[in-house]
Amino acid sequence: MNDSLNLLLAFEISVFWIPIIAIVGGFLVSIVRMLIGHQQKMTELIQRQRENAALADRVHALEAHLADLTEKVNQKTLPPDDDRSSSRD
Protein backbone atom coordinates (compact mmCIF):
# COMPACT_ATOMS: atom_id res chain seq x y z
CA MET A 1 0.00 0.00 0.00
CA ASN A 2 2.82 2.33 0.87
CA ASP A 3 4.40 1.61 -2.53
CA SER A 4 1.25 2.54 -4.41
CA LEU A 5 0.95 5.76 -2.39
CA ASN A 6 4.55 6.67 -3.20
CA LEU A 7 3.92 5.87 -6.87
CA LEU A 8 0.80 8.03 -6.86
CA LEU A 9 2.67 10.92 -5.19
CA ALA A 10 5.53 10.55 -7.66
CA PHE A 11 3.04 10.67 -10.53
CA GLU A 12 1.36 13.78 -9.13
CA ILE A 13 4.71 15.50 -8.66
CA SER A 14 5.75 14.66 -12.23
CA VAL A 15 2.38 15.87 -13.54
CA PHE A 16 3.02 19.14 -11.69
CA TRP A 17 6.57 19.57 -13.02
CA ILE A 18 6.04 18.57 -16.65
CA PRO A 19 4.19 21.78 -17.69
CA ILE A 20 6.62 23.94 -15.73
CA ILE A 21 9.61 22.29 -17.37
CA ALA A 22 7.97 22.60 -20.79
CA ILE A 23 7.30 26.33 -20.31
CA VAL A 24 10.79 27.03 -18.98
CA GLY A 25 12.27 24.93 -21.79
CA GLY A 26 10.32 26.94 -24.35
CA PHE A 27 11.71 30.17 -22.94
CA LEU A 28 15.23 28.76 -22.92
CA VAL A 29 14.94 27.65 -26.54
CA SER A 30 13.76 31.15 -27.51
CA ILE A 31 16.62 32.79 -25.61
CA VAL A 32 19.21 30.48 -27.19
CA ARG A 33 17.74 31.15 -30.64
CA MET A 34 17.99 34.92 -30.08
CA LEU A 35 21.58 34.62 -28.84
CA ILE A 36 22.62 32.54 -31.83
CA GLY A 37 20.96 35.00 -34.22
CA HIS A 38 22.72 37.90 -32.51
CA GLN A 39 26.04 36.10 -32.70
CA GLN A 40 25.59 35.45 -36.43
CA LYS A 41 24.72 39.11 -37.10
CA MET A 42 27.74 40.31 -35.13
CA THR A 43 30.00 37.90 -37.03
CA GLU A 44 28.69 39.22 -40.35
CA LEU A 45 29.16 42.81 -39.19
CA ILE A 46 32.75 42.18 -38.07
CA GLN A 47 33.50 40.40 -41.37
CA ARG A 48 32.12 43.35 -43.37
CA GLN A 49 34.19 45.78 -41.31
CA ARG A 50 37.34 43.78 -42.04
CA GLU A 51 36.52 43.69 -45.74
CA ASN A 52 35.84 47.44 -45.74
CA ALA A 53 39.14 48.11 -43.98
CA ALA A 54 40.99 46.01 -46.56
CA LEU A 55 39.25 47.87 -49.38
CA ALA A 56 40.06 51.22 -47.79
CA ASP A 57 43.75 50.23 -47.63
CA ARG A 58 43.67 49.27 -51.31
CA VAL A 59 41.98 52.55 -52.24
CA HIS A 60 44.62 54.56 -50.35
CA ALA A 61 47.38 52.61 -52.07
CA LEU A 62 45.79 53.22 -55.47
CA GLU A 63 45.38 56.93 -54.73
CA ALA A 64 49.05 57.19 -53.78
CA HIS A 65 50.06 55.31 -56.93
CA LEU A 66 47.83 57.56 -59.06
CA ALA A 67 49.34 60.68 -57.49
CA ASP A 68 52.82 59.33 -58.23
CA LEU A 69 51.93 58.56 -61.82
CA THR A 70 50.30 61.98 -62.25
CA GLU A 71 53.45 63.64 -60.97
CA LYS A 72 55.61 61.64 -63.38
CA VAL A 73 53.38 62.50 -66.34
CA ASN A 74 53.42 66.17 -65.38
CA GLN A 75 57.22 66.15 -65.17
CA LYS A 76 57.50 64.57 -68.62
CA THR A 77 54.89 66.69 -70.42
CA LEU A 78 55.11 70.10 -68.79
CA PRO A 79 58.35 72.00 -69.19
CA PRO A 80 59.71 73.58 -66.04
CA ASP A 81 58.71 77.19 -65.43
CA ASP A 82 62.33 78.35 -65.57
CA ASP A 83 62.72 77.14 -69.18
CA ARG A 84 59.60 78.98 -70.34
CA SER A 85 60.66 82.25 -68.78
CA SER A 86 64.23 82.06 -70.18
CA SER A 87 63.04 81.30 -73.72
CA ARG A 88 60.85 84.41 -73.77
CA ASP A 89 63.66 86.71 -72.79
PDB file of N, CA and C in Angstrom:
ATOM      1  N   MET A   1       0.811  -1.178   0.000  1.00  0.00           N
ATOM      2  CA  MET A   1       0.000   0.000   0.000  1.00  0.00           C
ATOM      3  C   MET A   1       0.863   1.253   0.000  1.00  0.00           C
ATOM      4  N   ASN A   2       1.907   1.213   0.774  1.00  0.00           N
ATOM      5  CA  ASN A   2       2.822   2.330   0.866  1.00  0.00           C
ATOM      6  C   ASN A   2       3.486   2.579  -0.482  1.00  0.00           C
ATOM      7  N   ASP A   3       3.785   1.491  -1.206  1.00  0.00           N
ATOM      8  CA  ASP A   3       4.402   1.613  -2.526  1.00  0.00           C
ATOM      9  C   ASP A   3       3.458   2.286  -3.515  1.00  0.00           C
ATOM     10  N   SER A   4       2.201   1.930  -3.477  1.00  0.00           N
ATOM     11  CA  SER A   4       1.247   2.541  -4.410  1.00  0.00           C
ATOM     12  C   SER A   4       1.029   4.013  -4.077  1.00  0.00           C
ATOM     13  N   LEU A   5       1.079   4.359  -2.791  1.00  0.00           N
ATOM     14  CA  LEU A   5       0.946   5.760  -2.391  1.00  0.00           C
ATOM     15  C   LEU A   5       2.156   6.558  -2.870  1.00  0.00           C
ATOM     16  N   ASN A   6       3.328   5.997  -2.713  1.00  0.00           N
ATOM     17  CA  ASN A   6       4.549   6.665  -3.201  1.00  0.00           C
ATOM     18  C   ASN A   6       4.513   6.823  -4.717  1.00  0.00           C
ATOM     19  N   LEU A   7       4.031   5.798  -5.419  1.00  0.00           N
ATOM     20  CA  LEU A   7       3.922   5.870  -6.866  1.00  0.00           C
ATOM     21  C   LEU A   7       2.927   6.947  -7.291  1.00  0.00           C
ATOM     22  N   LEU A   8       1.808   7.024  -6.559  1.00  0.00           N
ATOM     23  CA  LEU A   8       0.801   8.029  -6.862  1.00  0.00           C
ATOM     24  C   LEU A   8       1.345   9.429  -6.597  1.00  0.00           C
ATOM     25  N   LEU A   9       2.078   9.612  -5.493  1.00  0.00           N
ATOM     26  CA  LEU A   9       2.673  10.915  -5.195  1.00  0.00           C
ATOM     27  C   LEU A   9       3.737  11.282  -6.233  1.00  0.00           C
ATOM     28  N   ALA A  10       4.512  10.298  -6.648  1.00  0.00           N
ATOM     29  CA  ALA A  10       5.529  10.550  -7.663  1.00  0.00           C
ATOM     30  C   ALA A  10       4.867  10.955  -8.971  1.00  0.00           C
ATOM     31  N   PHE A  11       3.761  10.321  -9.316  1.00  0.00           N
ATOM     32  CA  PHE A  11       3.045  10.668 -10.535  1.00  0.00           C
ATOM     33  C   PHE A  11       2.478  12.085 -10.444  1.00  0.00           C
ATOM     34  N   GLU A  12       1.924  12.440  -9.302  1.00  0.00           N
ATOM     35  CA  GLU A  12       1.361  13.783  -9.126  1.00  0.00           C
ATOM     36  C   GLU A  12       2.455  14.849  -9.209  1.00  0.00           C
ATOM     37  N   ILE A  13       3.601  14.541  -8.614  1.00  0.00           N
ATOM     38  CA  ILE A  13       4.707  15.496  -8.662  1.00  0.00           C
ATOM     39  C   ILE A  13       5.180  15.666 -10.106  1.00  0.00           C
ATOM     40  N   SER A  14       5.298  14.554 -10.851  1.00  0.00           N
ATOM     41  CA  SER A  14       5.752  14.665 -12.234  1.00  0.00           C
ATOM     42  C   SER A  14       4.707  15.375 -13.091  1.00  0.00           C
ATOM     43  N   VAL A  15       3.429  15.178 -12.809  1.00  0.00           N
ATOM     44  CA  VAL A  15       2.383  15.873 -13.541  1.00  0.00           C
ATOM     45  C   VAL A  15       2.460  17.376 -13.250  1.00  0.00           C
ATOM     46  N   PHE A  16       2.866  17.730 -12.066  1.00  0.00           N
ATOM     47  CA  PHE A  16       3.017  19.135 -11.691  1.00  0.00           C
ATOM     48  C   PHE A  16       4.225  19.762 -12.398  1.00  0.00           C
ATOM     49  N   TRP A  17       5.337  19.006 -12.467  1.00  0.00           N
ATOM     50  CA  TRP A  17       6.573  19.567 -13.019  1.00  0.00           C
ATOM     51  C   TRP A  17       6.649  19.562 -14.540  1.00  0.00           C
ATOM     52  N   ILE A  18       5.944  18.667 -15.189  1.00  0.00           N
ATOM     53  CA  ILE A  18       6.038  18.569 -16.652  1.00  0.00           C
ATOM     54  C   ILE A  18       5.646  19.881 -17.337  1.00  0.00           C
ATOM     55  N   PRO A  19       4.514  20.502 -17.024  1.00  0.00           N
ATOM     56  CA  PRO A  19       4.191  21.777 -17.686  1.00  0.00           C
ATOM     57  C   PRO A  19       5.173  22.892 -17.346  1.00  0.00           C
ATOM     58  N   ILE A  20       5.660  22.906 -16.120  1.00  0.00           N
ATOM     59  CA  ILE A  20       6.620  23.943 -15.727  1.00  0.00           C
ATOM     60  C   ILE A  20       7.914  23.776 -16.517  1.00  0.00           C
ATOM     61  N   ILE A  21       8.385  22.553 -16.615  1.00  0.00           N
ATOM     62  CA  ILE A  21       9.614  22.290 -17.366  1.00  0.00           C
ATOM     63  C   ILE A  21       9.410  22.613 -18.842  1.00  0.00           C
ATOM     64  N   ALA A  22       8.243  22.301 -19.376  1.00  0.00           N
ATOM     65  CA  ALA A  22       7.966  22.597 -20.785  1.00  0.00           C
ATOM     66  C   ALA A  22       7.957  24.111 -21.027  1.00  0.00           C
ATOM     67  N   ILE A  23       7.348  24.869 -20.152  1.00  0.00           N
ATOM     68  CA  ILE A  23       7.299  26.326 -20.309  1.00  0.00           C
ATOM     69  C   ILE A  23       8.695  26.929 -20.196  1.00  0.00           C
ATOM     70  N   VAL A  24       9.428  26.517 -19.158  1.00  0.00           N
ATOM     71  CA  VAL A  24      10.791  27.027 -18.981  1.00  0.00           C
ATOM     72  C   VAL A  24      11.663  26.615 -20.161  1.00  0.00           C
ATOM     73  N   GLY A  25      11.509  25.392 -20.629  1.00  0.00           N
ATOM     74  CA  GLY A  25      12.275  24.931 -21.790  1.00  0.00           C
ATOM     75  C   GLY A  25      11.965  25.745 -23.029  1.00  0.00           C
ATOM     76  N   GLY A  26      10.696  26.101 -23.206  1.00  0.00           N
ATOM     77  CA  GLY A  26      10.321  26.941 -24.346  1.00  0.00           C
ATOM     78  C   GLY A  26      10.996  28.296 -24.284  1.00  0.00           C
ATOM     79  N   PHE A  27      11.024  28.886 -23.093  1.00  0.00           N
ATOM     80  CA  PHE A  27      11.707  30.172 -22.937  1.00  0.00           C
ATOM     81  C   PHE A  27      13.196  30.030 -23.202  1.00  0.00           C
ATOM     82  N   LEU A  28      13.793  28.955 -22.708  1.00  0.00           N
ATOM     83  CA  LEU A  28      15.226  28.757 -22.921  1.00  0.00           C
ATOM     84  C   LEU A  28      15.553  28.577 -24.401  1.00  0.00           C
ATOM     85  N   VAL A  29      14.716  27.836 -25.110  1.00  0.00           N
ATOM     86  CA  VAL A  29      14.944  27.652 -26.542  1.00  0.00           C
ATOM     87  C   VAL A  29      14.855  28.997 -27.257  1.00  0.00           C
ATOM     88  N   SER A  30      13.895  29.826 -26.891  1.00  0.00           N
ATOM     89  CA  SER A  30      13.758  31.150 -27.509  1.00  0.00           C
ATOM     90  C   SER A  30      14.978  32.018 -27.225  1.00  0.00           C
ATOM     91  N   ILE A  31      15.456  31.990 -25.990  1.00  0.00           N
ATOM     92  CA  ILE A  31      16.624  32.787 -25.615  1.00  0.00           C
ATOM     93  C   ILE A  31      17.853  32.316 -26.377  1.00  0.00           C
ATOM     94  N   VAL A  32      18.052  31.020 -26.463  1.00  0.00           N
ATOM     95  CA  VAL A  32      19.206  30.481 -27.186  1.00  0.00           C
ATOM     96  C   VAL A  32      19.117  30.849 -28.665  1.00  0.00           C
ATOM     97  N   ARG A  33      17.918  30.784 -29.235  1.00  0.00           N
ATOM     98  CA  ARG A  33      17.744  31.154 -30.641  1.00  0.00           C
ATOM     99  C   ARG A  33      18.091  32.623 -30.859  1.00  0.00           C
ATOM    100  N   MET A  34      17.664  33.490 -29.951  1.00  0.00           N
ATOM    101  CA  MET A  34      17.992  34.917 -30.080  1.00  0.00           C
ATOM    102  C   MET A  34      19.498  35.140 -29.951  1.00  0.00           C
ATOM    103  N   LEU A  35      20.142  34.465 -29.023  1.00  0.00           N
ATOM    104  CA  LEU A  35      21.585  34.621 -28.839  1.00  0.00           C
ATOM    105  C   LEU A  35      22.358  34.156 -30.064  1.00  0.00           C
ATOM    106  N   ILE A  36      21.940  33.043 -30.637  1.00  0.00           N
ATOM    107  CA  ILE A  36      22.623  32.539 -31.830  1.00  0.00           C
ATOM    108  C   ILE A  36      22.424  33.500 -32.996  1.00  0.00           C
ATOM    109  N   GLY A  37      21.211  34.019 -33.155  1.00  0.00           N
ATOM    110  CA  GLY A  37      20.960  34.995 -34.219  1.00  0.00           C
ATOM    111  C   GLY A  37      21.797  36.244 -34.039  1.00  0.00           C
ATOM    112  N   HIS A  38      21.905  36.721 -32.807  1.00  0.00           N
ATOM    113  CA  HIS A  38      22.722  37.902 -32.514  1.00  0.00           C
ATOM    114  C   HIS A  38      24.185  37.622 -32.825  1.00  0.00           C
ATOM    115  N   GLN A  39      24.648  36.457 -32.441  1.00  0.00           N
ATOM    116  CA  GLN A  39      26.041  36.099 -32.697  1.00  0.00           C
ATOM    117  C   GLN A  39      26.317  36.046 -34.198  1.00  0.00           C
ATOM    118  N   GLN A  40      25.403  35.510 -34.979  1.00  0.00           N
ATOM    119  CA  GLN A  40      25.585  35.453 -36.426  1.00  0.00           C
ATOM    120  C   GLN A  40      25.621  36.854 -37.030  1.00  0.00           C
ATOM    121  N   LYS A  41      24.733  37.735 -36.583  1.00  0.00           N
ATOM    122  CA  LYS A  41      24.718  39.106 -37.099  1.00  0.00           C
ATOM    123  C   LYS A  41      26.005  39.837 -36.750  1.00  0.00           C
ATOM    124  N   MET A  42      26.501  39.654 -35.535  1.00  0.00           N
ATOM    125  CA  MET A  42      27.741  40.309 -35.133  1.00  0.00           C
ATOM    126  C   MET A  42      28.918  39.775 -35.946  1.00  0.00           C
ATOM    127  N   THR A  43      28.938  38.487 -36.215  1.00  0.00           N
ATOM    128  CA  THR A  43      30.003  37.900 -37.026  1.00  0.00           C
ATOM    129  C   THR A  43      29.987  38.489 -38.431  1.00  0.00           C
ATOM    130  N   GLU A  44      28.796  38.616 -39.021  1.00  0.00           N
ATOM    131  CA  GLU A  44      28.692  39.216 -40.352  1.00  0.00           C
ATOM    132  C   GLU A  44      29.149  40.673 -40.334  1.00  0.00           C
ATOM    133  N   LEU A  45      28.777  41.399 -39.296  1.00  0.00           N
ATOM    134  CA  LEU A  45      29.165  42.806 -39.185  1.00  0.00           C
ATOM    135  C   LEU A  45      30.676  42.957 -39.073  1.00  0.00           C
ATOM    136  N   ILE A  46      31.297  42.130 -38.248  1.00  0.00           N
ATOM    137  CA  ILE A  46      32.755  42.179 -38.074  1.00  0.00           C
ATOM    138  C   ILE A  46      33.443  41.811 -39.387  1.00  0.00           C
ATOM    139  N   GLN A  47      32.910  40.806 -40.092  1.00  0.00           N
ATOM    140  CA  GLN A  47      33.499  40.399 -41.368  1.00  0.00           C
ATOM    141  C   GLN A  47      33.416  41.532 -42.379  1.00  0.00           C
ATOM    142  N   ARG A  48      32.259  42.217 -42.435  1.00  0.00           N
ATOM    143  CA  ARG A  48      32.115  43.346 -43.365  1.00  0.00           C
ATOM    144  C   ARG A  48      33.075  44.474 -43.016  1.00  0.00           C
ATOM    145  N   GLN A  49      33.270  44.725 -41.717  1.00  0.00           N
ATOM    146  CA  GLN A  49      34.194  45.785 -41.307  1.00  0.00           C
ATOM    147  C   GLN A  49      35.614  45.445 -41.731  1.00  0.00           C
ATOM    148  N   ARG A  50      35.995  44.196 -41.611  1.00  0.00           N
ATOM    149  CA  ARG A  50      37.340  43.784 -42.042  1.00  0.00           C
ATOM    150  C   ARG A  50      37.499  43.938 -43.547  1.00  0.00           C
ATOM    151  N   GLU A  51      36.461  43.541 -44.290  1.00  0.00           N
ATOM    152  CA  GLU A  51      36.525  43.687 -45.741  1.00  0.00           C
ATOM    153  C   GLU A  51      36.597  45.159 -46.126  1.00  0.00           C
ATOM    154  N   ASN A  52      35.817  46.006 -45.442  1.00  0.00           N
ATOM    155  CA  ASN A  52      35.842  47.436 -45.743  1.00  0.00           C
ATOM    156  C   ASN A  52      37.201  48.045 -45.418  1.00  0.00           C
ATOM    157  N   ALA A  53      37.814  47.599 -44.338  1.00  0.00           N
ATOM    158  CA  ALA A  53      39.138  48.108 -43.980  1.00  0.00           C
ATOM    159  C   ALA A  53      40.164  47.697 -45.037  1.00  0.00           C
ATOM    160  N   ALA A  54      40.063  46.467 -45.513  1.00  0.00           N
ATOM    161  CA  ALA A  54      40.985  46.006 -46.556  1.00  0.00           C
ATOM    162  C   ALA A  54      40.774  46.802 -47.842  1.00  0.00           C
ATOM    163  N   LEU A  55      39.521  47.067 -48.178  1.00  0.00           N
ATOM    164  CA  LEU A  55      39.249  47.867 -49.378  1.00  0.00           C
ATOM    165  C   LEU A  55      39.747  49.299 -49.217  1.00  0.00           C
ATOM    166  N   ALA A  56      39.588  49.860 -48.038  1.00  0.00           N
ATOM    167  CA  ALA A  56      40.065  51.222 -47.795  1.00  0.00           C
ATOM    168  C   ALA A  56      41.585  51.290 -47.956  1.00  0.00           C
ATOM    169  N   ASP A  57      42.288  50.273 -47.461  1.00  0.00           N
ATOM    170  CA  ASP A  57      43.748  50.231 -47.629  1.00  0.00           C
ATOM    171  C   ASP A  57      44.124  50.167 -49.111  1.00  0.00           C
ATOM    172  N   ARG A  58      43.395  49.363 -49.879  1.00  0.00           N
ATOM    173  CA  ARG A  58      43.674  49.269 -51.314  1.00  0.00           C
ATOM    174  C   ARG A  58      43.393  50.590 -52.011  1.00  0.00           C
ATOM    175  N   VAL A  59      42.312  51.266 -51.631  1.00  0.00           N
ATOM    176  CA  VAL A  59      41.975  52.549 -52.244  1.00  0.00           C
ATOM    177  C   VAL A  59      43.068  53.572 -51.945  1.00  0.00           C
ATOM    178  N   HIS A  60      43.547  53.614 -50.703  1.00  0.00           N
ATOM    179  CA  HIS A  60      44.620  54.556 -50.348  1.00  0.00           C
ATOM    180  C   HIS A  60      45.891  54.253 -51.140  1.00  0.00           C
ATOM    181  N   ALA A  61      46.194  52.976 -51.304  1.00  0.00           N
ATOM    182  CA  ALA A  61      47.384  52.612 -52.075  1.00  0.00           C
ATOM    183  C   ALA A  61      47.219  53.023 -53.534  1.00  0.00           C
ATOM    184  N   LEU A  62      46.035  52.814 -54.080  1.00  0.00           N
ATOM    185  CA  LEU A  62      45.791  53.219 -55.475  1.00  0.00           C
ATOM    186  C   LEU A  62      45.838  54.734 -55.634  1.00  0.00           C
ATOM    187  N   GLU A  63      45.313  55.468 -54.666  1.00  0.00           N
ATOM    188  CA  GLU A  63      45.379  56.927 -54.726  1.00  0.00           C
ATOM    189  C   GLU A  63      46.826  57.417 -54.694  1.00  0.00           C
ATOM    190  N   ALA A  64      47.640  56.801 -53.843  1.00  0.00           N
ATOM    191  CA  ALA A  64      49.050  57.189 -53.778  1.00  0.00           C
ATOM    192  C   ALA A  64      49.756  56.865 -55.091  1.00  0.00           C
ATOM    193  N   HIS A  65      49.453  55.706 -55.648  1.00  0.00           N
ATOM    194  CA  HIS A  65      50.059  55.315 -56.927  1.00  0.00           C
ATOM    195  C   HIS A  65      49.617  56.262 -58.047  1.00  0.00           C
ATOM    196  N   LEU A  66      48.350  56.635 -58.055  1.00  0.00           N
ATOM    197  CA  LEU A  66      47.834  57.561 -59.055  1.00  0.00           C
ATOM    198  C   LEU A  66      48.497  58.930 -58.925  1.00  0.00           C
ATOM    199  N   ALA A  67      48.672  59.390 -57.695  1.00  0.00           N
ATOM    200  CA  ALA A  67      49.343  60.678 -57.490  1.00  0.00           C
ATOM    201  C   ALA A  67      50.780  60.618 -57.990  1.00  0.00           C
ATOM    202  N   ASP A  68      51.451  59.501 -57.754  1.00  0.00           N
ATOM    203  CA  ASP A  68      52.822  59.331 -58.226  1.00  0.00           C
ATOM    204  C   ASP A  68      52.877  59.324 -59.752  1.00  0.00           C
ATOM    205  N   LEU A  69      51.962  58.599 -60.364  1.00  0.00           N
ATOM    206  CA  LEU A  69      51.927  58.564 -61.823  1.00  0.00           C
ATOM    207  C   LEU A  69      51.585  59.930 -62.410  1.00  0.00           C
ATOM    208  N   THR A  70      50.665  60.637 -61.790  1.00  0.00           N
ATOM    209  CA  THR A  70      50.305  61.976 -62.250  1.00  0.00           C
ATOM    210  C   THR A  70      51.505  62.903 -62.187  1.00  0.00           C
ATOM    211  N   GLU A  71      52.254  62.808 -61.125  1.00  0.00           N
ATOM    212  CA  GLU A  71      53.452  63.643 -60.973  1.00  0.00           C
ATOM    213  C   GLU A  71      54.475  63.312 -62.051  1.00  0.00           C
ATOM    214  N   LYS A  72      54.655  62.045 -62.337  1.00  0.00           N
ATOM    215  CA  LYS A  72      55.613  61.645 -63.376  1.00  0.00           C
ATOM    216  C   LYS A  72      55.172  62.132 -64.744  1.00  0.00           C
ATOM    217  N   VAL A  73      53.885  62.023 -65.044  1.00  0.00           N
ATOM    218  CA  VAL A  73      53.379  62.503 -66.338  1.00  0.00           C
ATOM    219  C   VAL A  73      53.555  64.000 -66.441  1.00  0.00           C
ATOM    220  N   ASN A  74      53.252  64.713 -65.370  1.00  0.00           N
ATOM    221  CA  ASN A  74      53.416  66.169 -65.383  1.00  0.00           C
ATOM    222  C   ASN A  74      54.877  66.565 -65.580  1.00  0.00           C
ATOM    223  N   GLN A  75      55.796  65.838 -65.000  1.00  0.00           N
ATOM    224  CA  GLN A  75      57.219  66.146 -65.166  1.00  0.00           C
ATOM    225  C   GLN A  75      57.656  65.911 -66.605  1.00  0.00           C
ATOM    226  N   LYS A  76      57.094  64.893 -67.247  1.00  0.00           N
ATOM    227  CA  LYS A  76      57.500  64.574 -68.620  1.00  0.00           C
ATOM    228  C   LYS A  76      56.844  65.511 -69.646  1.00  0.00           C
ATOM    229  N   THR A  77      55.618  65.932 -69.393  1.00  0.00           N
ATOM    230  CA  THR A  77      54.894  66.689 -70.417  1.00  0.00           C
ATOM    231  C   THR A  77      54.970  68.193 -70.234  1.00  0.00           C
ATOM    232  N   LEU A  78      55.061  68.668 -69.030  1.00  0.00           N
ATOM    233  CA  LEU A  78      55.109  70.103 -68.791  1.00  0.00           C
ATOM    234  C   LEU A  78      56.549  70.546 -68.618  1.00  0.00           C
ATOM    235  N   PRO A  79      56.981  71.512 -69.391  1.00  0.00           N
ATOM    236  CA  PRO A  79      58.354  72.000 -69.187  1.00  0.00           C
ATOM    237  C   PRO A  79      58.420  72.787 -67.874  1.00  0.00           C
ATOM    238  N   PRO A  80      59.567  72.809 -67.280  1.00  0.00           N
ATOM    239  CA  PRO A  80      59.707  73.583 -66.038  1.00  0.00           C
ATOM    240  C   PRO A  80      59.451  75.059 -66.301  1.00  0.00           C
ATOM    241  N   ASP A  81      59.010  75.766 -65.296  1.00  0.00           N
ATOM    242  CA  ASP A  81      58.709  77.192 -65.427  1.00  0.00           C
ATOM    243  C   ASP A  81      59.948  78.001 -65.784  1.00  0.00           C
ATOM    244  N   ASP A  82      61.099  77.610 -65.301  1.00  0.00           N
ATOM    245  CA  ASP A  82      62.330  78.350 -65.571  1.00  0.00           C
ATOM    246  C   ASP A  82      62.662  78.352 -67.074  1.00  0.00           C
ATOM    247  N   ASP A  83      62.418  77.229 -67.753  1.00  0.00           N
ATOM    248  CA  ASP A  83      62.721  77.143 -69.177  1.00  0.00           C
ATOM    249  C   ASP A  83      61.804  78.048 -69.987  1.00  0.00           C
ATOM    250  N   ARG A  84      60.540  78.126 -69.600  1.00  0.00           N
ATOM    251  CA  ARG A  84      59.604  78.976 -70.338  1.00  0.00           C
ATOM    252  C   ARG A  84      59.962  80.447 -70.184  1.00  0.00           C
ATOM    253  N   SER A  85      60.345  80.843 -69.002  1.00  0.00           N
ATOM    254  CA  SER A  85      60.664  82.250 -68.777  1.00  0.00           C
ATOM    255  C   SER A  85      61.988  82.627 -69.467  1.00  0.00           C
ATOM    256  N   SER A  86      62.953  81.730 -69.547  1.00  0.00           N
ATOM    257  CA  SER A  86      64.232  82.062 -70.184  1.00  0.00           C
ATOM    258  C   SER A  86      64.105  82.082 -71.703  1.00  0.00           C
ATOM    259  N   SER A  87      63.198  81.295 -72.264  1.00  0.00           N
ATOM    260  CA  SER A  87      63.041  81.305 -73.718  1.00  0.00           C
ATOM    261  C   SER A  87      62.325  82.542 -74.209  1.00  0.00           C
ATOM    262  N   ARG A  88      61.558  83.191 -73.399  1.00  0.00           N
ATOM    263  CA  ARG A  88      60.854  84.413 -73.772  1.00  0.00           C
ATOM    264  C   ARG A  88      61.785  85.627 -73.755  1.00  0.00           C
ATOM    265  N   ASP A  89      62.770  85.540 -72.923  1.00  0.00           N
ATOM    266  CA  ASP A  89      63.661  86.707 -72.790  1.00  0.00           C
ATOM    267  C   ASP A  89      64.575  86.885 -73.927  1.00  0.00           C
TER     268      ASP A  89
END
